[in-house]
């Protein structure tokens, strides 16, 4: 059982991340790193560019930690 009140966020507000959502690559900024239920922690991502999937345009994604990684700046 996960203690909801003792959750320590892995990402901070504004951290740059990249990843894949439904096999579509994305880049964006972290909006919120939270735990809402027993399903585990999730991260809200504000995308740099919108994604069109199944006829709908998405500007904000909610993903699991395993779906993203910190963006490497060259």
C-alpha atoms as a PDB file:
ATOM      1  CA  UNK A   1       0.000   0.000   0.000  1.00  0.00           C
ATOM      2  CA  UNK A   2       1.356   3.413  -0.970  1.00  0.00           C
ATOM      3  CA  UNK A   3       1.271   6.159   1.606  1.00  0.00           C
ATOM      4  CA  UNK A   4      -0.440   9.022  -0.216  1.00  0.00           C
ATOM      5  CA  UNK A   5       0.672  11.694   2.255  1.00  0.00           C
ATOM      6  CA  UNK A   6       4.380  10.724   2.138  1.00  0.00           C
ATOM      7  CA  UNK A   7       4.899  10.900  -1.633  1.00  0.00           C
ATOM      8  CA  UNK A   8       8.097  12.674  -2.748  1.00  0.00           C
ATOM      9  CA  UNK A   9       7.897  14.055  -6.286  1.00  0.00           C
ATOM     10  CA  UNK A  10      10.586  12.934  -8.762  1.00  0.00           C
ATOM     11  CA  UNK A  11      10.082  15.912 -11.116  1.00  0.00           C
ATOM     12  CA  UNK A  12       9.713  19.595 -10.257  1.00  0.00           C
ATOM     13  CA  UNK A  13       7.441  22.144 -11.875  1.00  0.00           C
ATOM     14  CA  UNK A  14       8.893  23.192 -15.236  1.00  0.00           C
ATOM     15  CA  UNK A  15      11.351  20.307 -15.648  1.00  0.00           C
ATOM     16  CA  UNK A  16      11.884  19.535 -19.334  1.00  0.00           C
ATOM     17  CA  UNK A  17      11.037  15.950 -20.313  1.00  0.00           C
ATOM     18  CA  UNK A  18      10.618  13.813 -23.416  1.00  0.00           C
ATOM     19  CA  UNK A  19       8.940  10.500 -24.033  1.00  0.00           C
ATOM     20  CA  UNK A  20       6.374   8.554 -26.038  1.00  0.00           C
ATOM     21  CA  UNK A  21       2.606   8.506 -25.674  1.00  0.00           C
ATOM     22  CA  UNK A  22       0.682   6.011 -27.847  1.00  0.00           C
ATOM     23  CA  UNK A  23       3.890   5.569 -29.903  1.00  0.00           C
ATOM     24  CA  UNK A  24       4.019   9.335 -30.585  1.00  0.00           C
ATOM     25  CA  UNK A  25       7.190  11.129 -29.401  1.00  0.00           C
ATOM     26  CA  UNK A  26       6.692  14.338 -27.420  1.00  0.00           C
ATOM     27  CA  UNK A  27       8.661  17.067 -25.619  1.00  0.00           C
ATOM     28  CA  UNK A  28       7.216  19.242 -22.889  1.00  0.00           C
ATOM     29  CA  UNK A  29       7.389  20.663 -19.378  1.00  0.00           C
ATOM     30  CA  UNK A  30       6.239  19.053 -16.148  1.00  0.00           C
ATOM     31  CA  UNK A  31       3.124  20.672 -14.760  1.00  0.00           C
ATOM     32  CA  UNK A  32       2.503  18.415 -11.777  1.00  0.00           C
ATOM     33  CA  UNK A  33       4.027  15.257 -10.291  1.00  0.00           C
ATOM     34  CA  UNK A  34       1.426  13.695  -8.031  1.00  0.00           C
ATOM     35  CA  UNK A  35      -0.154  10.587  -6.640  1.00  0.00           C
ATOM     36  CA  UNK A  36      -3.942  10.549  -6.656  1.00  0.00           C
ATOM     37  CA  UNK A  37      -4.865   6.929  -6.030  1.00  0.00           C
ATOM     38  CA  UNK A  38      -3.472   3.470  -5.423  1.00  0.00           C
ATOM     39  CA  UNK A  39      -2.795   3.222  -9.184  1.00  0.00           C
ATOM     40  CA  UNK A  40       0.505   4.989  -8.550  1.00  0.00           C
ATOM     41  CA  UNK A  41       2.149   8.336  -9.304  1.00  0.00           C
ATOM     42  CA  UNK A  42       1.491  10.254 -12.505  1.00  0.00           C
ATOM     43  CA  UNK A  43       2.969  13.310 -14.173  1.00  0.00           C
ATOM     44  CA  UNK A  44       1.090  16.073 -16.003  1.00  0.00           C
ATOM     45  CA  UNK A  45       2.992  17.244 -19.106  1.00  0.00           C
ATOM     46  CA  UNK A  46       2.355  20.545 -20.919  1.00  0.00           C
ATOM     47  CA  UNK A  47       3.409  19.841 -24.506  1.00  0.00           C
ATOM     48  CA  UNK A  48       5.556  22.164 -26.638  1.00  0.00           C
ATOM     49  CA  UNK A  49       3.561  21.183 -29.734  1.00  0.00           C
ATOM     50  CA  UNK A  50       0.036  19.733 -29.742  1.00  0.00           C
ATOM     51  CA  UNK A  51      -0.526  16.081 -30.649  1.00  0.00           C
ATOM     52  CA  UNK A  52      -3.427  14.978 -32.833  1.00  0.00           C
ATOM     53  CA  UNK A  53      -4.606  11.465 -31.904  1.00  0.00           C
ATOM     54  CA  UNK A  54      -7.847   9.830 -33.082  1.00  0.00           C
ATOM     55  CA  UNK A  55      -9.142  13.162 -34.383  1.00  0.00           C
ATOM     56  CA  UNK A  56      -8.590  14.980 -31.057  1.00  0.00           C
ATOM     57  CA  UNK A  57      -5.872  17.534 -30.374  1.00  0.00           C
ATOM     58  CA  UNK A  58      -4.031  17.174 -27.038  1.00  0.00           C
ATOM     59  CA  UNK A  59      -1.955  19.914 -25.396  1.00  0.00           C
ATOM     60  CA  UNK A  60      -1.681  18.317 -21.941  1.00  0.00           C
ATOM     61  CA  UNK A  61      -0.869  14.665 -21.199  1.00  0.00           C
ATOM     62  CA  UNK A  62      -1.061  12.633 -17.991  1.00  0.00           C
ATOM     63  CA  UNK A  63       1.545   9.848 -18.077  1.00  0.00           C
ATOM     64  CA  UNK A  64       3.337   7.456 -15.729  1.00  0.00           C
ATOM     65  CA  UNK A  65       6.974   7.977 -14.718  1.00  0.00           C
ATOM     66  CA  UNK A  66       8.104   5.035 -16.864  1.00  0.00           C
ATOM     67  CA  UNK A  67       6.850   6.840 -20.026  1.00  0.00           C
ATOM     68  CA  UNK A  68       9.121   9.902 -19.686  1.00  0.00           C
ATOM     69  CA  UNK A  69      12.759  10.796 -19.140  1.00  0.00           C
ATOM     70  CA  UNK A  70      14.550  14.090 -18.458  1.00  0.00           C
ATOM     71  CA  UNK A  71      15.328  16.029 -21.644  1.00  0.00           C
ATOM     72  CA  UNK A  72      19.031  16.069 -22.463  1.00  0.00           C
ATOM     73  CA  UNK A  73      20.199  19.567 -23.417  1.00  0.00           C
ATOM     74  CA  UNK A  74      23.171  19.702 -25.774  1.00  0.00           C
END
